[in-house]
Amino acid sequence: MHSPHIKHNLMKILPQEIWLDILTLLPTKLIGRCRCVSKSWRHLLSESNFIRSHLYRTKHLTGNELLFLGSTEPSQSNALYTAGIDCQVPCEITVSATELTFVVKPKLLSGDLPSCDGLILLEDDAKRTLLFNPTTKEVRELPVPSHAFDCFYRYPLYGLGYDHVNDDYKVVSPSYYHTELELAFVVHVYSVRTGAWKEADSSLYEPRSVRKCTRRKVESFTFELGYEMYMTGVFVDGSVHWVATNTTNLSSFIVGFDLADEILRIIPTPRSVYGIDFLYDILRELGGCLCTLSVSSNKETNIWVMKEYGVEQSWTKLTIVDGVSEYMPHLCVPGRREVVMVKDERTEGEDWVIYNLDSATFKSITIQGARYVYFGGCFRETLVSPYHNHDTHRALG
């Protein structure tokens, strides 16, 4: 076994960029331990360039875990759990739920738990909105947006994503509020970099042109974003997406809020290409692409993927899933070729299945350690901080 003295000398011999590159291959929790070696190590391993490099390799080397709220008894308060899935198991899958240490009792903020690069957005018993990295235990309380007091909507709408142009994580909150004359639609954006909310342009714009950047507004019509359990925005390719409904003809379509431009755009749908009549749609991310799980008018379940973002002709039907409409409420993608479907909003862990897109086969999932669970989404362990500057980290009291 090498002594600390020898290891220290090796660090002196190797150029810094080489051993930092080696460290990006380590698991996230082990990086956390390395940060405790010295102040200089903590500084180097907390720099944004290192975190982005580690995140990039983590995305390509590891799969997602399931993330959910649950308890061992119905009367108990919810706790936050993760569970890894080995999709290579040939038959029924049994997973062990790991409770995440958290200083408050978490709640679902909207239909699922909005998550991006290891950060999750949730609410506690005190109705505080929190941005939390369960791996590093960093937590940030978001200020109350000014629109929260006069906002009116059946469910809260939230989305979380990364603005690569400005190197900034952002929370998007579309909402409706009462004025003296009408019910108005507004979009507010919280910036991790600035630590503040601001009101964004709430106009609806045409799809982004493939050849050039367009900002042409759509002719005014009223629409609503999200419905029932599908309130959480889906982050793909720099935008957060929702299913919207035209309140005049009740047709559904997809909108994406561009985090860099901070505008709301219509996203072409399979309907616009294939003339398909959908009953409803669920949006998810599948292998970095926008994915929709839809039930057609003849009860046929289709999984579609937009292989080239913003290009309507790139929508591709991956598979037709028979007999799974009862599992529609939730869809999670732990890998690139598997999806997890959950039957009910809250189950005893007996109504979860995993579907393989290549073999068109199902496996049941048994969860040990948490019986009564609210499905939350997918999660990946990362070093990403809910603060733009790690030095501003504070414990939540």
Protein backbone atom coordinates (compact mmCIF):
# COMPACT_ATOMS: atom_id res chain seq x y z
CA MET A 1 0.00 0.00 0.00
CA HIS A 2 1.41 3.38 -1.00
CA SER A 3 2.11 5.88 1.73
CA PRO A 4 0.54 9.37 1.67
CA HIS A 5 4.08 10.72 1.17
CA ILE A 6 4.53 8.75 -2.08
CA LYS A 7 1.08 9.80 -3.30
CA HIS A 8 1.92 13.40 -2.54
CA ASN A 9 5.14 13.12 -4.57
CA LEU A 10 3.23 11.60 -7.48
CA MET A 11 0.93 14.62 -7.47
CA LYS A 12 4.00 16.84 -7.67
CA ILE A 13 5.43 14.86 -10.58
CA LEU A 14 2.25 14.77 -12.67
CA PRO A 15 1.05 18.01 -14.30
CA GLN A 16 -2.06 19.36 -12.63
CA GLU A 17 -4.22 19.01 -15.74
CA ILE A 18 -3.38 15.29 -15.94
CA TRP A 19 -4.27 14.31 -12.39
CA LEU A 20 -7.36 16.53 -12.49
CA ASP A 21 -8.39 14.67 -15.63
CA ILE A 22 -7.85 11.38 -13.81
CA LEU A 23 -9.99 12.57 -10.92
CA THR A 24 -12.92 13.24 -13.28
CA LEU A 25 -13.17 9.45 -13.67
CA LEU A 26 -13.86 8.94 -9.96
CA PRO A 27 -17.38 8.41 -8.57
CA THR A 28 -19.09 11.56 -7.33
CA LYS A 29 -19.06 10.65 -3.65
CA LEU A 30 -15.34 9.86 -3.78
CA ILE A 31 -14.69 13.31 -5.24
CA GLY A 32 -16.46 14.69 -2.18
CA ARG A 33 -13.95 12.92 0.05
CA CYS A 34 -11.05 14.23 -2.03
CA ARG A 35 -12.30 17.77 -1.39
CA CYS A 36 -11.53 17.22 2.29
CA VAL A 37 -7.81 16.59 1.65
CA SER A 38 -6.87 20.28 1.72
CA LYS A 39 -8.16 23.76 0.95
CA SER A 40 -6.35 23.77 -2.38
CA TRP A 41 -7.96 20.46 -3.38
CA ARG A 42 -11.38 21.72 -2.34
CA HIS A 43 -10.87 24.80 -4.49
CA LEU A 44 -9.64 22.88 -7.54
CA LEU A 45 -12.35 20.21 -7.32
CA SER A 46 -15.06 22.87 -6.93
CA GLU A 47 -14.11 24.90 -10.00
CA SER A 48 -16.76 25.01 -12.71
CA ASN A 49 -14.45 23.56 -15.38
CA PHE A 50 -13.75 20.47 -13.28
CA ILE A 51 -17.43 20.05 -12.38
CA ARG A 52 -18.47 20.29 -16.06
CA SER A 53 -15.78 17.76 -17.08
CA HIS A 54 -16.84 15.36 -14.33
CA LEU A 55 -20.50 15.84 -15.28
CA TYR A 56 -19.76 15.07 -18.94
CA ARG A 57 -18.01 11.83 -18.06
CA THR A 58 -20.66 10.87 -15.52
CA LYS A 59 -23.36 11.19 -18.16
CA HIS A 60 -21.48 8.90 -20.52
CA LEU A 61 -20.33 6.32 -17.98
CA THR A 62 -23.29 5.87 -15.65
CA GLY A 63 -27.04 5.48 -15.91
CA ASN A 64 -29.84 7.27 -14.13
CA GLU A 65 -31.32 6.19 -10.83
CA LEU A 66 -34.97 6.35 -9.86
CA LEU A 67 -35.87 9.23 -7.57
CA PHE A 68 -39.04 9.20 -5.50
CA LEU A 69 -40.74 10.19 -2.27
CA GLY A 70 -41.91 7.43 0.00
CA SER A 71 -42.41 6.00 3.46
CA THR A 72 -42.48 2.60 5.14
CA GLU A 73 -46.00 3.22 6.52
CA PRO A 74 -48.92 5.26 5.10
CA SER A 75 -49.07 7.50 8.18
CA GLN A 76 -45.39 8.41 8.13
CA SER A 77 -43.97 11.57 6.60
CA ASN A 78 -42.37 11.22 3.20
CA ALA A 79 -38.63 10.81 2.78
CA LEU A 80 -36.55 11.14 -0.37
CA TYR A 81 -35.24 7.90 -1.89
CA THR A 82 -33.09 6.78 -4.79
CA ALA A 83 -32.83 3.32 -6.32
CA GLY A 84 -30.44 2.06 -8.96
CA ILE A 85 -31.72 -0.32 -11.64
CA ASP A 86 -29.75 -3.04 -13.37
CA CYS A 87 -31.60 -3.36 -16.66
CA GLN A 88 -29.52 -6.41 -17.64
CA VAL A 89 -31.31 -8.65 -15.13
CA PRO A 90 -33.21 -11.21 -17.25
CA CYS A 91 -36.34 -11.49 -15.12
CA GLU A 92 -38.09 -9.56 -12.34
CA ILE A 93 -36.00 -6.71 -10.94
CA THR A 94 -35.64 -6.12 -7.20
CA VAL A 95 -34.14 -2.80 -6.16
CA SER A 96 -33.20 -1.44 -2.74
CA ALA A 97 -34.38 2.06 -1.92
CA THR A 98 -31.77 4.28 -0.27
CA GLU A 99 -33.10 7.12 1.88
CA LEU A 100 -31.35 10.42 1.24
CA THR A 101 -30.39 12.48 4.27
CA PHE A 102 -32.31 15.74 4.23
CA VAL A 103 -32.80 18.39 6.90
CA VAL A 104 -36.49 18.92 6.11
CA LYS A 105 -39.45 16.77 5.06
CA PRO A 106 -39.64 16.99 1.27
CA LYS A 107 -42.79 17.23 -0.84
CA LEU A 108 -43.53 17.06 -4.54
CA LEU A 109 -43.47 20.56 -6.01
CA SER A 110 -45.35 19.54 -9.15
CA GLY A 111 -46.30 16.27 -10.85
CA ASP A 112 -42.76 14.87 -10.76
CA LEU A 113 -39.56 16.07 -9.11
CA PRO A 114 -37.92 18.48 -11.57
CA SER A 115 -34.31 17.37 -11.94
CA CYS A 116 -31.32 18.47 -14.01
CA ASP A 117 -27.68 17.37 -13.73
CA GLY A 118 -28.11 16.08 -10.19
CA LEU A 119 -30.07 19.08 -8.91
CA ILE A 120 -33.69 18.58 -7.89
CA LEU A 121 -36.44 21.08 -7.16
CA LEU A 122 -38.84 20.36 -4.32
CA GLU A 123 -40.86 21.86 -1.50
CA ASP A 124 -40.78 21.33 2.26
CA ASP A 125 -43.46 21.41 4.97
CA ALA A 126 -42.96 25.16 5.35
CA LYS A 127 -43.83 25.68 1.65
CA ARG A 128 -40.27 26.74 0.88
CA THR A 129 -39.04 26.02 -2.64
CA LEU A 130 -35.65 24.33 -2.48
CA LEU A 131 -32.92 23.53 -4.99
CA PHE A 132 -31.05 20.52 -3.65
CA ASN A 133 -28.13 18.30 -4.62
CA PRO A 134 -28.70 15.07 -2.65
CA THR A 135 -25.16 13.85 -3.36
CA THR A 136 -23.22 16.87 -2.05
CA LYS A 137 -26.01 17.78 0.44
CA GLU A 138 -25.96 21.39 -0.78
CA VAL A 139 -29.37 23.03 -0.56
CA ARG A 140 -30.57 26.48 -1.54
CA GLU A 141 -33.83 28.12 -0.59
CA LEU A 142 -35.33 30.07 -3.47
CA PRO A 143 -36.88 33.46 -2.68
CA VAL A 144 -40.64 33.75 -2.99
CA PRO A 145 -41.42 35.14 -6.46
CA SER A 146 -43.47 38.31 -6.52
CA HIS A 147 -46.19 36.64 -8.59
CA ALA A 148 -46.84 33.95 -5.97
CA PHE A 149 -49.27 36.05 -3.95
CA ASP A 150 -51.67 36.91 -6.77
CA CYS A 151 -51.17 33.74 -8.79
CA PHE A 152 -54.11 31.54 -9.68
CA TYR A 153 -53.78 28.04 -11.06
CA ARG A 154 -54.95 24.53 -10.17
CA TYR A 155 -51.40 23.22 -9.87
CA PRO A 156 -48.00 24.88 -9.76
CA LEU A 157 -45.96 24.76 -12.95
CA TYR A 158 -42.20 24.40 -12.69
CA GLY A 159 -39.28 23.38 -14.85
CA LEU A 160 -35.54 23.16 -14.24
CA GLY A 161 -32.76 23.26 -16.83
CA TYR A 162 -29.30 24.44 -17.81
CA ASP A 163 -28.60 27.54 -19.93
CA HIS A 164 -25.33 26.59 -21.64
CA VAL A 165 -24.95 30.02 -23.26
CA ASN A 166 -24.75 31.81 -19.91
CA ASP A 167 -23.51 28.84 -17.82
CA ASP A 168 -26.53 29.13 -15.56
CA TYR A 169 -29.12 26.79 -14.09
CA LYS A 170 -32.61 28.25 -14.25
CA VAL A 171 -36.03 27.50 -12.77
CA VAL A 172 -38.98 28.34 -15.02
CA SER A 173 -42.42 28.99 -13.54
CA PRO A 174 -45.29 29.73 -15.94
CA SER A 175 -48.46 30.79 -14.15
CA TYR A 176 -51.80 32.53 -14.49
CA TYR A 177 -52.86 35.46 -12.35
CA HIS A 178 -55.92 37.64 -11.99
CA THR A 179 -56.03 41.23 -13.22
CA GLU A 180 -59.03 43.54 -13.02
CA LEU A 181 -60.06 42.61 -16.55
CA GLU A 182 -58.74 39.15 -17.30
CA LEU A 183 -56.76 36.10 -16.33
CA ALA A 184 -53.24 36.85 -17.55
CA PHE A 185 -50.43 34.43 -18.39
CA VAL A 186 -46.87 35.18 -17.25
CA VAL A 187 -43.55 33.34 -17.19
CA HIS A 188 -41.04 33.92 -14.40
CA VAL A 189 -37.44 32.70 -14.44
CA TYR A 190 -35.12 32.16 -11.47
CA SER A 191 -31.39 32.35 -12.17
CA VAL A 192 -28.94 30.43 -9.97
CA ARG A 193 -26.24 32.85 -11.13
CA THR A 194 -28.08 36.00 -9.98
CA GLY A 195 -30.17 34.43 -7.21
CA ALA A 196 -33.29 36.32 -8.30
CA TRP A 197 -36.57 35.90 -10.17
CA LYS A 198 -37.49 38.01 -13.18
CA GLU A 199 -40.47 38.18 -15.52
CA ALA A 200 -39.79 36.88 -19.03
CA ASP A 201 -41.55 37.44 -22.33
CA SER A 202 -44.80 35.45 -22.17
CA SER A 203 -45.58 35.70 -25.89
CA LEU A 204 -45.69 32.53 -27.95
CA TYR A 205 -43.22 32.34 -30.84
CA GLU A 206 -43.05 30.21 -33.96
CA PRO A 207 -40.64 27.25 -34.07
CA ARG A 208 -36.98 28.09 -34.47
CA SER A 209 -35.97 28.04 -38.12
CA VAL A 210 -33.40 25.43 -39.11
CA ARG A 211 -31.55 28.01 -41.24
CA LYS A 212 -31.77 31.06 -39.01
CA CYS A 213 -32.85 32.24 -35.60
CA THR A 214 -36.38 33.58 -35.78
CA ARG A 215 -38.42 35.51 -33.27
CA ARG A 216 -41.76 35.69 -35.03
CA LYS A 217 -44.75 35.73 -32.70
CA VAL A 218 -47.66 33.39 -33.20
CA GLU A 219 -51.05 34.97 -33.82
CA SER A 220 -52.65 35.44 -30.43
CA PHE A 221 -54.79 32.64 -29.03
CA THR A 222 -55.44 31.42 -25.51
CA PHE A 223 -53.80 28.24 -24.22
CA GLU A 224 -53.09 26.42 -20.99
CA LEU A 225 -49.89 24.63 -20.02
CA GLY A 226 -49.90 21.21 -18.38
CA TYR A 227 -52.74 19.24 -16.92
CA GLU A 228 -53.27 17.06 -13.87
CA MET A 229 -50.03 15.18 -13.05
CA TYR A 230 -48.08 16.36 -16.08
CA MET A 231 -47.07 19.74 -14.73
CA THR A 232 -43.30 19.35 -14.57
CA GLY A 233 -41.35 20.82 -17.46
CA VAL A 234 -39.05 18.48 -19.40
CA PHE A 235 -35.56 19.79 -20.12
CA VAL A 236 -34.08 18.93 -23.52
CA ASP A 237 -31.59 20.80 -25.72
CA GLY A 238 -31.56 24.06 -23.77
CA SER A 239 -35.34 24.37 -23.39
CA VAL A 240 -37.97 23.31 -20.85
CA HIS A 241 -41.06 21.75 -22.42
CA TRP A 242 -44.73 21.31 -21.58
CA VAL A 243 -47.81 19.98 -23.30
CA ALA A 244 -50.16 22.90 -23.98
CA THR A 245 -53.84 22.99 -24.89
CA ASN A 246 -55.52 25.43 -27.25
CA THR A 247 -58.55 26.49 -25.21
CA THR A 248 -60.55 27.28 -28.37
CA ASN A 249 -60.41 23.93 -30.17
CA LEU A 250 -58.93 21.84 -27.29
CA SER A 251 -56.09 20.60 -29.48
CA SER A 252 -52.80 19.84 -27.75
CA PHE A 253 -49.33 20.91 -28.81
CA ILE A 254 -45.82 21.18 -27.35
CA VAL A 255 -44.11 24.38 -26.23
CA GLY A 256 -40.49 24.87 -25.21
CA PHE A 257 -39.12 27.72 -23.10
CA ASP A 258 -35.66 28.57 -24.45
CA LEU A 259 -33.47 29.21 -21.37
CA ALA A 260 -30.91 31.30 -23.28
CA ASP A 261 -33.33 33.52 -25.24
CA GLU A 262 -35.97 33.27 -22.48
CA ILE A 263 -38.88 33.00 -24.90
CA LEU A 264 -41.63 30.42 -25.38
CA ARG A 265 -41.69 28.59 -28.73
CA ILE A 266 -44.04 26.12 -30.37
CA ILE A 267 -42.32 22.78 -30.96
CA PRO A 268 -43.39 20.73 -34.01
CA THR A 269 -45.23 17.54 -33.03
CA PRO A 270 -45.70 14.15 -34.71
CA ARG A 271 -49.24 15.25 -35.47
CA SER A 272 -47.97 18.01 -37.73
CA VAL A 273 -45.98 15.42 -39.69
CA TYR A 274 -48.18 12.34 -39.66
CA GLY A 275 -51.66 13.75 -39.02
CA ILE A 276 -52.12 11.54 -35.96
CA ASP A 277 -54.99 12.15 -33.56
CA PHE A 278 -53.66 11.89 -29.99
CA LEU A 279 -55.81 11.55 -26.90
CA TYR A 280 -53.05 12.85 -24.62
CA ASP A 281 -49.31 13.15 -24.46
CA ILE A 282 -46.59 12.67 -21.87
CA LEU A 283 -43.25 14.36 -22.46
CA ARG A 284 -39.92 12.95 -21.35
CA GLU A 285 -36.25 12.97 -22.33
CA LEU A 286 -34.91 9.81 -23.96
CA GLY A 287 -31.21 9.59 -24.79
CA GLY A 288 -30.91 13.39 -25.03
CA CYS A 289 -33.95 13.69 -27.31
CA LEU A 290 -37.48 14.94 -26.69
CA CYS A 291 -39.78 11.95 -26.30
CA THR A 292 -43.57 11.74 -26.22
CA LEU A 293 -45.62 8.79 -25.06
CA SER A 294 -49.04 9.09 -26.68
CA VAL A 295 -52.27 7.17 -26.93
CA SER A 296 -53.98 7.44 -30.29
CA SER A 297 -57.75 7.47 -30.79
CA ASN A 298 -57.76 3.69 -31.38
CA LYS A 299 -56.11 3.09 -27.96
CA GLU A 300 -52.72 2.36 -29.48
CA THR A 301 -49.77 3.49 -27.37
CA ASN A 302 -46.88 5.03 -29.28
CA ILE A 303 -43.42 6.18 -28.21
CA TRP A 304 -42.07 8.93 -30.45
CA VAL A 305 -38.62 10.56 -30.36
CA MET A 306 -37.56 13.85 -31.97
CA LYS A 307 -34.10 12.74 -33.14
CA GLU A 308 -33.08 16.20 -34.38
CA TYR A 309 -34.36 18.89 -32.06
CA GLY A 310 -36.78 21.34 -33.64
CA VAL A 311 -37.00 19.42 -36.95
CA GLU A 312 -40.53 18.13 -37.39
CA GLN A 313 -39.57 15.45 -39.94
CA SER A 314 -37.18 13.89 -37.40
CA TRP A 315 -40.01 12.56 -35.20
CA THR A 316 -39.58 8.78 -35.25
CA LYS A 317 -41.90 6.11 -33.87
CA LEU A 318 -39.73 3.78 -31.80
CA THR A 319 -42.31 1.20 -30.87
CA ILE A 320 -45.96 0.42 -30.33
CA VAL A 321 -46.68 -0.72 -26.79
CA ASP A 322 -49.79 -2.86 -26.36
CA GLY A 323 -51.73 -3.05 -23.13
CA VAL A 324 -49.87 -0.41 -21.14
CA SER A 325 -52.31 2.51 -21.17
CA GLU A 326 -52.99 1.87 -17.48
CA TYR A 327 -49.31 2.60 -16.80
CA MET A 328 -49.36 5.98 -18.50
CA PRO A 329 -49.20 8.43 -15.56
CA HIS A 330 -45.41 8.31 -15.29
CA LEU A 331 -42.49 7.54 -17.52
CA CYS A 332 -38.84 7.53 -16.50
CA VAL A 333 -35.78 6.75 -18.58
CA PRO A 334 -32.98 5.16 -16.51
CA GLY A 335 -31.02 4.16 -19.62
CA ARG A 336 -31.03 4.89 -23.32
CA ARG A 337 -33.20 1.93 -24.32
CA GLU A 338 -35.38 1.32 -21.27
CA VAL A 339 -38.33 3.19 -19.80
CA VAL A 340 -39.99 2.80 -16.41
CA MET A 341 -43.76 3.08 -16.25
CA VAL A 342 -45.80 3.49 -13.10
CA LYS A 343 -49.49 2.70 -12.85
CA ASP A 344 -50.75 5.05 -10.13
CA GLU A 345 -49.66 8.31 -8.56
CA ARG A 346 -49.01 6.53 -5.28
CA THR A 347 -48.45 2.79 -5.07
CA GLU A 348 -47.06 0.16 -2.72
CA GLY A 349 -44.20 -0.45 -5.12
CA GLU A 350 -46.10 -3.26 -6.87
CA ASP A 351 -47.22 -1.42 -10.00
CA TRP A 352 -43.90 -0.46 -11.57
CA VAL A 353 -42.62 -2.04 -14.77
CA ILE A 354 -39.61 -1.51 -17.00
CA TYR A 355 -40.04 -1.72 -20.77
CA ASN A 356 -37.18 -2.45 -23.17
CA LEU A 357 -37.56 -0.56 -26.44
CA ASP A 358 -35.46 -3.05 -28.42
CA SER A 359 -37.01 -6.33 -27.30
CA ALA A 360 -40.51 -4.92 -26.58
CA THR A 361 -40.56 -6.84 -23.30
CA PHE A 362 -41.64 -5.98 -19.77
CA LYS A 363 -40.10 -6.71 -16.38
CA SER A 364 -41.79 -6.02 -13.08
CA ILE A 365 -39.94 -3.97 -10.45
CA THR A 366 -40.06 -4.70 -6.74
CA ILE A 367 -38.88 -1.93 -4.41
CA GLN A 368 -37.43 -2.86 -1.03
CA GLY A 369 -37.07 -0.34 1.79
CA ALA A 370 -40.00 1.94 0.94
CA ARG A 371 -43.51 0.57 0.39
CA TYR A 372 -45.65 3.67 -0.13
CA VAL A 373 -44.05 5.75 -2.83
CA TYR A 374 -44.77 8.78 -4.96
CA PHE A 375 -42.91 8.45 -8.23
CA GLY A 376 -40.57 11.39 -8.72
CA GLY A 377 -38.45 10.91 -11.81
CA CYS A 378 -34.85 10.08 -12.67
CA PHE A 379 -31.67 11.24 -10.99
CA ARG A 380 -27.90 11.20 -11.51
CA GLU A 381 -25.19 11.78 -8.87
CA THR A 382 -23.17 14.89 -9.75
CA LEU A 383 -21.07 17.68 -8.20
CA VAL A 384 -23.26 20.48 -9.57
CA SER A 385 -23.97 23.12 -6.93
CA PRO A 386 -27.28 24.94 -6.39
CA TYR A 387 -25.09 28.02 -5.91
CA HIS A 388 -23.20 29.59 -8.77
CA ASN A 389 -20.27 30.10 -6.41
CA HIS A 390 -19.59 27.21 -3.99
CA ASP A 391 -18.30 29.66 -1.37
CA THR A 392 -21.83 31.04 -0.93
CA HIS A 393 -23.14 27.68 0.30
CA ARG A 394 -25.16 27.88 3.48
CA ALA A 395 -26.89 25.24 5.53
CA LEU A 396 -30.66 25.38 5.57
CA GLY A 397 -32.06 26.12 8.98
